[in-house]
């Protein structure tokens, strides 16, 4: 082994049989979950996870999302996956799902996704991921602009 390198071995016990496997022979998704849970066990205040669902078995995403929601630290997760959003309770999604977009001037903006009236309405009859998937993102900028105008009192919708 080269100087400075670490060797990770996974040990699994099943019916009193113990098997050791080098990490290089383990699926990337499993290693990613191990890394996330290792980070959750550390003393820190903030954790950023980009596209959390990549490489993770769909059957494990709910368990992973529940663990992140329950974590004592602040967790920021990016995703394009409606499936990830569907594992959030509606109240958590309403408070925590933030949509990033570019305004008419090309500036990046952020808005709570379910503060947009049409999205909040969808959340009453759909899961968070279903509401996202049922939305034409090309038309969402118009809905956001209308909402901001109404909110600031410069027009009516």
C-alpha atoms as a PDB file:
ATOM      1  CA  UNK A   1       0.000   0.000   0.000  1.00  0.00           C
ATOM      2  CA  UNK A   2       1.292   3.489  -0.873  1.00  0.00           C
ATOM      3  CA  UNK A   3       2.272   5.921   1.840  1.00  0.00           C
ATOM      4  CA  UNK A   4      -0.723   7.949   3.056  1.00  0.00           C
ATOM      5  CA  UNK A   5      -3.324   5.605   1.584  1.00  0.00           C
ATOM      6  CA  UNK A   6      -6.000   4.022   3.735  1.00  0.00           C
ATOM      7  CA  UNK A   7      -7.492   0.588   3.356  1.00  0.00           C
ATOM      8  CA  UNK A   8     -11.185   0.162   4.108  1.00  0.00           C
ATOM      9  CA  UNK A   9     -12.499  -3.297   4.851  1.00  0.00           C
ATOM     10  CA  UNK A  10     -16.155  -4.103   5.315  1.00  0.00           C
ATOM     11  CA  UNK A  11     -16.948  -6.889   7.752  1.00  0.00           C
ATOM     12  CA  UNK A  12     -20.363  -8.499   7.534  1.00  0.00           C
ATOM     13  CA  UNK A  13     -21.736 -11.169   9.836  1.00  0.00           C
ATOM     14  CA  UNK A  14     -24.609 -13.357   8.741  1.00  0.00           C
ATOM     15  CA  UNK A  15     -25.742 -16.474  10.650  1.00  0.00           C
ATOM     16  CA  UNK A  16     -22.482 -16.586  12.675  1.00  0.00           C
ATOM     17  CA  UNK A  17     -20.354 -16.415   9.530  1.00  0.00           C
ATOM     18  CA  UNK A  18     -18.089 -13.393   9.249  1.00  0.00           C
ATOM     19  CA  UNK A  19     -16.958 -12.203   5.832  1.00  0.00           C
ATOM     20  CA  UNK A  20     -14.436  -9.408   5.205  1.00  0.00           C
ATOM     21  CA  UNK A  21     -14.455  -7.576   1.889  1.00  0.00           C
ATOM     22  CA  UNK A  22     -12.186  -4.793   0.660  1.00  0.00           C
ATOM     23  CA  UNK A  23     -14.119  -1.626  -0.107  1.00  0.00           C
ATOM     24  CA  UNK A  24     -13.001  -1.683  -3.726  1.00  0.00           C
ATOM     25  CA  UNK A  25     -15.204  -4.762  -4.153  1.00  0.00           C
ATOM     26  CA  UNK A  26     -18.282  -3.112  -2.622  1.00  0.00           C
ATOM     27  CA  UNK A  27     -20.947  -1.220  -4.587  1.00  0.00           C
ATOM     28  CA  UNK A  28     -20.494   2.558  -4.794  1.00  0.00           C
ATOM     29  CA  UNK A  29     -23.995   3.184  -3.405  1.00  0.00           C
ATOM     30  CA  UNK A  30     -23.237   1.163  -0.285  1.00  0.00           C
ATOM     31  CA  UNK A  31     -19.981   3.046   0.237  1.00  0.00           C
ATOM     32  CA  UNK A  32     -21.820   6.329  -0.258  1.00  0.00           C
ATOM     33  CA  UNK A  33     -24.339   5.374   2.446  1.00  0.00           C
ATOM     34  CA  UNK A  34     -21.494   4.420   4.778  1.00  0.00           C
ATOM     35  CA  UNK A  35     -19.859   7.794   4.159  1.00  0.00           C
ATOM     36  CA  UNK A  36     -23.112   9.658   4.877  1.00  0.00           C
ATOM     37  CA  UNK A  37     -23.707   7.769   8.127  1.00  0.00           C
ATOM     38  CA  UNK A  38     -20.081   8.279   9.147  1.00  0.00           C
ATOM     39  CA  UNK A  39     -20.546  12.024   8.638  1.00  0.00           C
ATOM     40  CA  UNK A  40     -23.786  11.992  10.641  1.00  0.00           C
ATOM     41  CA  UNK A  41     -21.912  10.445  13.575  1.00  0.00           C
ATOM     42  CA  UNK A  42     -19.345  13.275  13.700  1.00  0.00           C
ATOM     43  CA  UNK A  43     -19.647  16.397  15.796  1.00  0.00           C
ATOM     44  CA  UNK A  44     -20.391  19.109  13.264  1.00  0.00           C
ATOM     45  CA  UNK A  45     -23.074  21.663  12.559  1.00  0.00           C
ATOM     46  CA  UNK A  46     -23.653  21.332   8.824  1.00  0.00           C
ATOM     47  CA  UNK A  47     -23.555  18.668   6.134  1.00  0.00           C
ATOM     48  CA  UNK A  48     -23.919  19.245   2.370  1.00  0.00           C
ATOM     49  CA  UNK A  49     -24.844  16.275   0.187  1.00  0.00           C
ATOM     50  CA  UNK A  50     -25.069  16.759  -3.572  1.00  0.00           C
ATOM     51  CA  UNK A  51     -27.570  14.590  -5.454  1.00  0.00           C
ATOM     52  CA  UNK A  52     -28.000  12.241  -2.521  1.00  0.00           C
ATOM     53  CA  UNK A  53     -29.823   9.579  -4.535  1.00  0.00           C
ATOM     54  CA  UNK A  54     -26.960   8.880  -6.968  1.00  0.00           C
ATOM     55  CA  UNK A  55     -25.918   5.269  -6.752  1.00  0.00           C
ATOM     56  CA  UNK A  56     -28.246   4.481  -3.842  1.00  0.00           C
ATOM     57  CA  UNK A  57     -30.635   1.560  -4.126  1.00  0.00           C
ATOM     58  CA  UNK A  58     -34.157   3.059  -4.384  1.00  0.00           C
ATOM     59  CA  UNK A  59     -35.302   0.773  -1.553  1.00  0.00           C
ATOM     60  CA  UNK A  60     -32.810   2.465   0.801  1.00  0.00           C
ATOM     61  CA  UNK A  61     -33.538   6.102  -0.068  1.00  0.00           C
ATOM     62  CA  UNK A  62     -36.479   6.327   2.340  1.00  0.00           C
ATOM     63  CA  UNK A  63     -34.304   5.053   5.206  1.00  0.00           C
ATOM     64  CA  UNK A  64     -31.562   7.490   4.234  1.00  0.00           C
ATOM     65  CA  UNK A  65     -33.933  10.464   3.983  1.00  0.00           C
ATOM     66  CA  UNK A  66     -35.541   9.625   7.352  1.00  0.00           C
ATOM     67  CA  UNK A  67     -32.064   9.528   8.901  1.00  0.00           C
ATOM     68  CA  UNK A  68     -31.146  12.899   7.401  1.00  0.00           C
ATOM     69  CA  UNK A  69     -34.384  14.543   8.570  1.00  0.00           C
ATOM     70  CA  UNK A  70     -33.812  13.205  12.101  1.00  0.00           C
ATOM     71  CA  UNK A  71     -30.123  14.218  12.196  1.00  0.00           C
ATOM     72  CA  UNK A  72     -29.218  16.677  14.951  1.00  0.00           C
ATOM     73  CA  UNK A  73     -27.219  18.821  12.521  1.00  0.00           C
ATOM     74  CA  UNK A  74     -28.340  21.009   9.643  1.00  0.00           C
ATOM     75  CA  UNK A  75     -28.340  19.024   6.392  1.00  0.00           C
ATOM     76  CA  UNK A  76     -28.535  20.508   2.895  1.00  0.00           C
ATOM     77  CA  UNK A  77     -29.364  18.017   0.152  1.00  0.00           C
ATOM     78  CA  UNK A  78     -29.528  18.755  -3.558  1.00  0.00           C
ATOM     79  CA  UNK A  79     -31.600  16.580  -5.860  1.00  0.00           C
ATOM     80  CA  UNK A  80     -33.461  16.480  -9.137  1.00  0.00           C
ATOM     81  CA  UNK A  81     -35.347  13.406  -8.012  1.00  0.00           C
ATOM     82  CA  UNK A  82     -39.064  13.532  -7.250  1.00  0.00           C
ATOM     83  CA  UNK A  83     -38.606  10.204  -5.450  1.00  0.00           C
ATOM     84  CA  UNK A  84     -36.359  11.842  -2.826  1.00  0.00           C
ATOM     85  CA  UNK A  85     -38.946  14.573  -2.257  1.00  0.00           C
ATOM     86  CA  UNK A  86     -41.749  12.032  -1.857  1.00  0.00           C
ATOM     87  CA  UNK A  87     -40.008  10.612   1.204  1.00  0.00           C
ATOM     88  CA  UNK A  88     -40.442  13.937   3.013  1.00  0.00           C
ATOM     89  CA  UNK A  89     -43.505  14.621   5.143  1.00  0.00           C
ATOM     90  CA  UNK A  90     -45.586  17.447   3.642  1.00  0.00           C
ATOM     91  CA  UNK A  91     -44.829  19.870   6.496  1.00  0.00           C
ATOM     92  CA  UNK A  92     -41.085  19.224   6.250  1.00  0.00           C
ATOM     93  CA  UNK A  93     -41.206  19.652   2.463  1.00  0.00           C
ATOM     94  CA  UNK A  94     -43.204  22.881   2.797  1.00  0.00           C
ATOM     95  CA  UNK A  95     -40.574  24.351   5.111  1.00  0.00           C
ATOM     96  CA  UNK A  96     -37.438  22.818   3.668  1.00  0.00           C
ATOM     97  CA  UNK A  97     -37.649  22.412  -0.110  1.00  0.00           C
ATOM     98  CA  UNK A  98     -36.019  25.409  -1.759  1.00  0.00           C
ATOM     99  CA  UNK A  99     -36.147  25.925  -5.516  1.00  0.00           C
ATOM    100  CA  UNK A 100     -33.176  27.646  -7.180  1.00  0.00           C
ATOM    101  CA  UNK A 101     -33.808  29.451 -10.446  1.00  0.00           C
ATOM    102  CA  UNK A 102     -32.576  32.309 -12.608  1.00  0.00           C
ATOM    103  CA  UNK A 103     -34.706  35.428 -12.836  1.00  0.00           C
ATOM    104  CA  UNK A 104     -35.310  37.488 -15.988  1.00  0.00           C
ATOM    105  CA  UNK A 105     -31.940  39.235 -15.430  1.00  0.00           C
ATOM    106  CA  UNK A 106     -30.080  35.929 -15.161  1.00  0.00           C
ATOM    107  CA  UNK A 107     -29.500  36.249 -11.399  1.00  0.00           C
ATOM    108  CA  UNK A 108     -29.785  33.132  -9.285  1.00  0.00           C
ATOM    109  CA  UNK A 109     -32.684  33.314  -6.864  1.00  0.00           C
ATOM    110  CA  UNK A 110     -34.133  30.992  -4.233  1.00  0.00           C
ATOM    111  CA  UNK A 111     -37.706  30.500  -3.073  1.00  0.00           C
ATOM    112  CA  UNK A 112     -39.375  27.918  -0.908  1.00  0.00           C
ATOM    113  CA  UNK A 113     -40.977  25.694  -3.512  1.00  0.00           C
ATOM    114  CA  UNK A 114     -44.235  25.283  -1.634  1.00  0.00           C
ATOM    115  CA  UNK A 115     -44.582  29.010  -0.918  1.00  0.00           C
ATOM    116  CA  UNK A 116     -45.559  29.335  -4.580  1.00  0.00           C
ATOM    117  CA  UNK A 117     -49.383  29.234  -4.399  1.00  0.00           C
ATOM    118  CA  UNK A 118     -49.880  26.710  -7.208  1.00  0.00           C
ATOM    119  CA  UNK A 119     -47.295  24.390  -5.629  1.00  0.00           C
ATOM    120  CA  UNK A 120     -48.846  24.753  -2.159  1.00  0.00           C
ATOM    121  CA  UNK A 121     -52.227  23.839  -3.689  1.00  0.00           C
ATOM    122  CA  UNK A 122     -50.748  20.754  -5.349  1.00  0.00           C
ATOM    123  CA  UNK A 123     -49.238  19.687  -2.023  1.00  0.00           C
ATOM    124  CA  UNK A 124     -52.760  19.355  -0.592  1.00  0.00           C
ATOM    125  CA  UNK A 125     -53.544  16.518  -3.018  1.00  0.00           C
ATOM    126  CA  UNK A 126     -50.107  15.174  -4.032  1.00  0.00           C
ATOM    127  CA  UNK A 127     -46.860  14.188  -2.391  1.00  0.00           C
ATOM    128  CA  UNK A 128     -43.963  16.687  -2.606  1.00  0.00           C
ATOM    129  CA  UNK A 129     -42.245  14.741  -5.392  1.00  0.00           C
ATOM    130  CA  UNK A 130     -45.454  14.307  -7.335  1.00  0.00           C
ATOM    131  CA  UNK A 131     -46.115  18.064  -7.125  1.00  0.00           C
ATOM    132  CA  UNK A 132     -42.602  18.750  -8.434  1.00  0.00           C
ATOM    133  CA  UNK A 133     -42.940  16.192 -11.215  1.00  0.00           C
ATOM    134  CA  UNK A 134     -46.362  17.580 -12.199  1.00  0.00           C
ATOM    135  CA  UNK A 135     -44.861  21.034 -12.758  1.00  0.00           C
ATOM    136  CA  UNK A 136     -43.553  22.432 -16.027  1.00  0.00           C
ATOM    137  CA  UNK A 137     -40.382  24.151 -14.871  1.00  0.00           C
ATOM    138  CA  UNK A 138     -40.399  26.302 -18.014  1.00  0.00           C
ATOM    139  CA  UNK A 139     -43.650  27.892 -16.769  1.00  0.00           C
ATOM    140  CA  UNK A 140     -42.627  28.078 -13.130  1.00  0.00           C
ATOM    141  CA  UNK A 141     -40.724  31.358 -13.552  1.00  0.00           C
ATOM    142  CA  UNK A 142     -43.994  33.068 -14.565  1.00  0.00           C
ATOM    143  CA  UNK A 143     -45.759  31.668 -11.489  1.00  0.00           C
ATOM    144  CA  UNK A 144     -42.912  32.860  -9.256  1.00  0.00           C
ATOM    145  CA  UNK A 145     -42.970  36.330 -10.851  1.00  0.00           C
ATOM    146  CA  UNK A 146     -46.749  36.580 -10.347  1.00  0.00           C
ATOM    147  CA  UNK A 147     -46.410  35.462  -6.729  1.00  0.00           C
ATOM    148  CA  UNK A 148     -43.662  37.986  -5.993  1.00  0.00           C
ATOM    149  CA  UNK A 149     -45.688  40.815  -7.566  1.00  0.00           C
ATOM    150  CA  UNK A 150     -48.751  39.897  -5.525  1.00  0.00           C
ATOM    151  CA  UNK A 151     -46.677  39.527  -2.364  1.00  0.00           C
ATOM    152  CA  UNK A 152     -45.047  42.938  -2.789  1.00  0.00           C
ATOM    153  CA  UNK A 153     -48.393  44.586  -3.637  1.00  0.00           C
ATOM    154  CA  UNK A 154     -47.409  45.574  -7.197  1.00  0.00           C
ATOM    155  CA  UNK A 155     -50.203  43.988  -9.128  1.00  0.00           C
ATOM    156  CA  UNK A 156     -52.931  41.491  -8.690  1.00  0.00           C
ATOM    157  CA  UNK A 157     -53.298  37.960  -9.867  1.00  0.00           C
END
